Amino acid sequence: MKRTTDEAITPAAYRAFQEAYDFFNAELFGGSLPHVLVTLQRHAKARAYFSPERFTGRTDDAAAHELAMNPDSFNGRSDELILSTLAHEMAHVWQQSHGTPRGVRIMIGNGPRR
């Protein structure tokens, strides 16, 4: 992620992940994924996680999924590997929206990390 010295890190970081989400949604998922709230969250032993309908509206019944990326896992990993984690979590968004919900476990590469 490149930013200018005049640009604050928070909007630059979140914009980069939003742009990546939008790109992968269009290119890999045919634009079929809903909007999610991408967050940066530290979660022990996880590079990222997906949490369905984690955020609800204050004044309406709307809910948004959370896709959280763990910044502690970025150190020593290339942009390509970090973005592959994002795409992996997006597969869980697709699964929630179009496939088998998370309550019915289909484990594909989500075992313990070494």
C-alpha atoms as a PDB file:
ATOM      1  CA  MET A   1       0.000   0.000   0.000  1.00  0.00           C
ATOM      2  CA  LYS A   2       1.449   3.325  -1.025  1.00  0.00           C
ATOM      3  CA  ARG A   3       0.278   6.581   0.398  1.00  0.00           C
ATOM      4  CA  THR A   4       1.437  10.136   0.166  1.00  0.00           C
ATOM      5  CA  THR A   5       2.865  11.855   3.214  1.00  0.00           C
ATOM      6  CA  ASP A   6      -0.220  14.121   3.188  1.00  0.00           C
ATOM      7  CA  GLU A   7      -2.625  11.204   3.416  1.00  0.00           C
ATOM      8  CA  ALA A   8      -3.682   9.757   6.762  1.00  0.00           C
ATOM      9  CA  ILE A   9      -2.974   6.057   7.186  1.00  0.00           C
ATOM     10  CA  THR A  10      -6.495   5.047   8.253  1.00  0.00           C
ATOM     11  CA  PRO A  11      -8.357   6.058   5.079  1.00  0.00           C
ATOM     12  CA  ALA A  12      -5.449   4.857   2.910  1.00  0.00           C
ATOM     13  CA  ALA A  13      -5.418   1.379   4.474  1.00  0.00           C
ATOM     14  CA  TYR A  14      -9.180   0.905   4.457  1.00  0.00           C
ATOM     15  CA  ARG A  15      -9.515   2.318   0.933  1.00  0.00           C
ATOM     16  CA  ALA A  16      -6.889  -0.167  -0.318  1.00  0.00           C
ATOM     17  CA  PHE A  17      -8.807  -3.112   1.135  1.00  0.00           C
ATOM     18  CA  GLN A  18     -12.132  -1.775  -0.181  1.00  0.00           C
ATOM     19  CA  GLU A  19     -10.651  -1.376  -3.672  1.00  0.00           C
ATOM     20  CA  ALA A  20      -9.234  -4.918  -3.507  1.00  0.00           C
ATOM     21  CA  TYR A  21     -12.609  -6.278  -2.312  1.00  0.00           C
ATOM     22  CA  ASP A  22     -14.418  -4.500  -5.146  1.00  0.00           C
ATOM     23  CA  PHE A  23     -11.874  -5.741  -7.725  1.00  0.00           C
ATOM     24  CA  PHE A  24     -12.055  -9.375  -6.563  1.00  0.00           C
ATOM     25  CA  ASN A  25     -15.837  -9.185  -6.317  1.00  0.00           C
ATOM     26  CA  ALA A  26     -16.032  -8.108  -9.961  1.00  0.00           C
ATOM     27  CA  GLU A  27     -13.305 -10.388 -11.315  1.00  0.00           C
ATOM     28  CA  LEU A  28     -13.753 -13.541  -9.240  1.00  0.00           C
ATOM     29  CA  PHE A  29     -17.370 -13.449  -8.102  1.00  0.00           C
ATOM     30  CA  GLY A  30     -19.114 -11.654 -10.977  1.00  0.00           C
ATOM     31  CA  GLY A  31     -20.101  -8.781  -8.693  1.00  0.00           C
ATOM     32  CA  SER A  32     -22.404 -11.125  -6.755  1.00  0.00           C
ATOM     33  CA  LEU A  33     -21.081 -10.440  -3.265  1.00  0.00           C
ATOM     34  CA  PRO A  34     -22.820  -8.007  -0.948  1.00  0.00           C
ATOM     35  CA  HIS A  35     -21.077  -5.031   0.551  1.00  0.00           C
ATOM     36  CA  VAL A  36     -19.222  -5.939   3.745  1.00  0.00           C
ATOM     37  CA  LEU A  37     -17.462  -3.952   6.410  1.00  0.00           C
ATOM     38  CA  VAL A  38     -13.759  -4.678   6.021  1.00  0.00           C
ATOM     39  CA  THR A  39     -11.986  -4.182   9.336  1.00  0.00           C
ATOM     40  CA  LEU A  40      -8.502  -4.550  10.710  1.00  0.00           C
ATOM     41  CA  GLN A  41      -8.705  -6.718  13.839  1.00  0.00           C
ATOM     42  CA  ARG A  42      -6.080  -8.579  15.809  1.00  0.00           C
ATOM     43  CA  HIS A  43      -7.289 -12.110  16.440  1.00  0.00           C
ATOM     44  CA  ALA A  44      -4.893 -14.680  17.864  1.00  0.00           C
ATOM     45  CA  LYS A  45      -3.785 -17.383  15.421  1.00  0.00           C
ATOM     46  CA  ALA A  46      -5.958 -16.072  12.573  1.00  0.00           C
ATOM     47  CA  ARG A  47      -4.863 -14.168   9.492  1.00  0.00           C
ATOM     48  CA  ALA A  48      -8.452 -13.105   8.915  1.00  0.00           C
ATOM     49  CA  TYR A  49     -12.020 -14.082   9.637  1.00  0.00           C
ATOM     50  CA  PHE A  50     -15.525 -13.640   8.283  1.00  0.00           C
ATOM     51  CA  SER A  51     -18.452 -12.955  10.589  1.00  0.00           C
ATOM     52  CA  PRO A  52     -21.939 -12.876   9.032  1.00  0.00           C
ATOM     53  CA  GLU A  53     -24.287 -10.024   9.900  1.00  0.00           C
ATOM     54  CA  ARG A  54     -21.890  -8.743  12.561  1.00  0.00           C
ATOM     55  CA  PHE A  55     -22.928  -5.093  12.275  1.00  0.00           C
ATOM     56  CA  THR A  56     -26.538  -3.990  12.529  1.00  0.00           C
ATOM     57  CA  GLY A  57     -28.045  -0.612  11.861  1.00  0.00           C
ATOM     58  CA  ARG A  58     -28.861   1.700  14.733  1.00  0.00           C
ATOM     59  CA  THR A  59     -32.137   2.878  13.229  1.00  0.00           C
ATOM     60  CA  ASP A  60     -33.137   0.079  10.842  1.00  0.00           C
ATOM     61  CA  ASP A  61     -32.968  -3.682  10.508  1.00  0.00           C
ATOM     62  CA  ALA A  62     -30.081  -3.657   8.025  1.00  0.00           C
ATOM     63  CA  ALA A  63     -27.092  -5.855   8.823  1.00  0.00           C
ATOM     64  CA  ALA A  64     -23.644  -6.052   7.263  1.00  0.00           C
ATOM     65  CA  HIS A  65     -21.131  -8.873   7.244  1.00  0.00           C
ATOM     66  CA  GLU A  66     -17.660  -8.271   8.678  1.00  0.00           C
ATOM     67  CA  LEU A  67     -14.518  -9.388   6.904  1.00  0.00           C
ATOM     68  CA  ALA A  68     -11.638  -8.802   9.291  1.00  0.00           C
ATOM     69  CA  MET A  69      -7.966  -8.822   8.320  1.00  0.00           C
ATOM     70  CA  ASN A  70      -5.313  -9.302  11.014  1.00  0.00           C
ATOM     71  CA  PRO A  71      -2.520  -6.725  10.532  1.00  0.00           C
ATOM     72  CA  ASP A  72      -0.175  -8.807  12.718  1.00  0.00           C
ATOM     73  CA  SER A  73      -0.154 -11.392   9.925  1.00  0.00           C
ATOM     74  CA  PHE A  74       1.049  -8.873   7.300  1.00  0.00           C
ATOM     75  CA  ASN A  75       4.666  -8.793   8.488  1.00  0.00           C
ATOM     76  CA  GLY A  76       6.909 -10.848   6.243  1.00  0.00           C
ATOM     77  CA  ARG A  77       4.096 -11.603   3.770  1.00  0.00           C
ATOM     78  CA  SER A  78       3.874 -10.211   0.255  1.00  0.00           C
ATOM     79  CA  ASP A  79       0.922  -8.134  -0.942  1.00  0.00           C
ATOM     80  CA  GLU A  80      -0.053 -11.148  -3.060  1.00  0.00           C
ATOM     81  CA  LEU A  81      -0.292 -13.403   0.012  1.00  0.00           C
ATOM     82  CA  ILE A  82      -2.200 -10.812   2.021  1.00  0.00           C
ATOM     83  CA  LEU A  83      -4.672 -10.347  -0.824  1.00  0.00           C
ATOM     84  CA  SER A  84      -5.013 -14.120  -1.230  1.00  0.00           C
ATOM     85  CA  THR A  85      -6.217 -14.173   2.384  1.00  0.00           C
ATOM     86  CA  LEU A  86      -8.767 -11.482   1.518  1.00  0.00           C
ATOM     87  CA  ALA A  87      -9.971 -13.531  -1.473  1.00  0.00           C
ATOM     88  CA  HIS A  88     -10.214 -16.631   0.722  1.00  0.00           C
ATOM     89  CA  GLU A  89     -12.436 -14.797   3.202  1.00  0.00           C
ATOM     90  CA  MET A  90     -14.501 -13.515   0.289  1.00  0.00           C
ATOM     91  CA  ALA A  91     -15.190 -17.155  -0.591  1.00  0.00           C
ATOM     92  CA  HIS A  92     -16.821 -17.406   2.848  1.00  0.00           C
ATOM     93  CA  VAL A  93     -18.929 -14.333   1.994  1.00  0.00           C
ATOM     94  CA  TRP A  94     -20.008 -16.106  -1.214  1.00  0.00           C
ATOM     95  CA  GLN A  95     -20.722 -19.278   0.742  1.00  0.00           C
ATOM     96  CA  GLN A  96     -22.923 -17.353   3.190  1.00  0.00           C
ATOM     97  CA  SER A  97     -24.748 -15.504   0.400  1.00  0.00           C
ATOM     98  CA  HIS A  98     -25.066 -18.223  -2.246  1.00  0.00           C
ATOM     99  CA  GLY A  99     -23.859 -21.566  -0.973  1.00  0.00           C
ATOM    100  CA  THR A 100     -23.677 -23.588   2.174  1.00  0.00           C
ATOM    101  CA  PRO A 101     -23.919 -21.346   5.267  1.00  0.00           C
ATOM    102  CA  ARG A 102     -21.105 -21.501   7.789  1.00  0.00           C
ATOM    103  CA  GLY A 103     -23.245 -23.487  10.231  1.00  0.00           C
ATOM    104  CA  VAL A 104     -22.783 -26.455   7.905  1.00  0.00           C
ATOM    105  CA  ARG A 105     -19.026 -26.953   8.006  1.00  0.00           C
ATOM    106  CA  ILE A 106     -17.119 -27.620   4.826  1.00  0.00           C
ATOM    107  CA  MET A 107     -13.457 -27.379   5.715  1.00  0.00           C
ATOM    108  CA  ILE A 108     -11.242 -26.271   2.861  1.00  0.00           C
ATOM    109  CA  GLY A 109      -7.877 -25.046   4.032  1.00  0.00           C
ATOM    110  CA  ASN A 110      -9.119 -23.651   7.328  1.00  0.00           C
ATOM    111  CA  GLY A 111      -7.288 -25.979   9.661  1.00  0.00           C
ATOM    112  CA  PRO A 112      -4.707 -24.859  12.214  1.00  0.00           C
ATOM    113  CA  ARG A 113      -1.888 -22.701  10.861  1.00  0.00           C
ATOM    114  CA  ARG A 114       1.702 -23.628  11.659  1.00  0.00           C
END
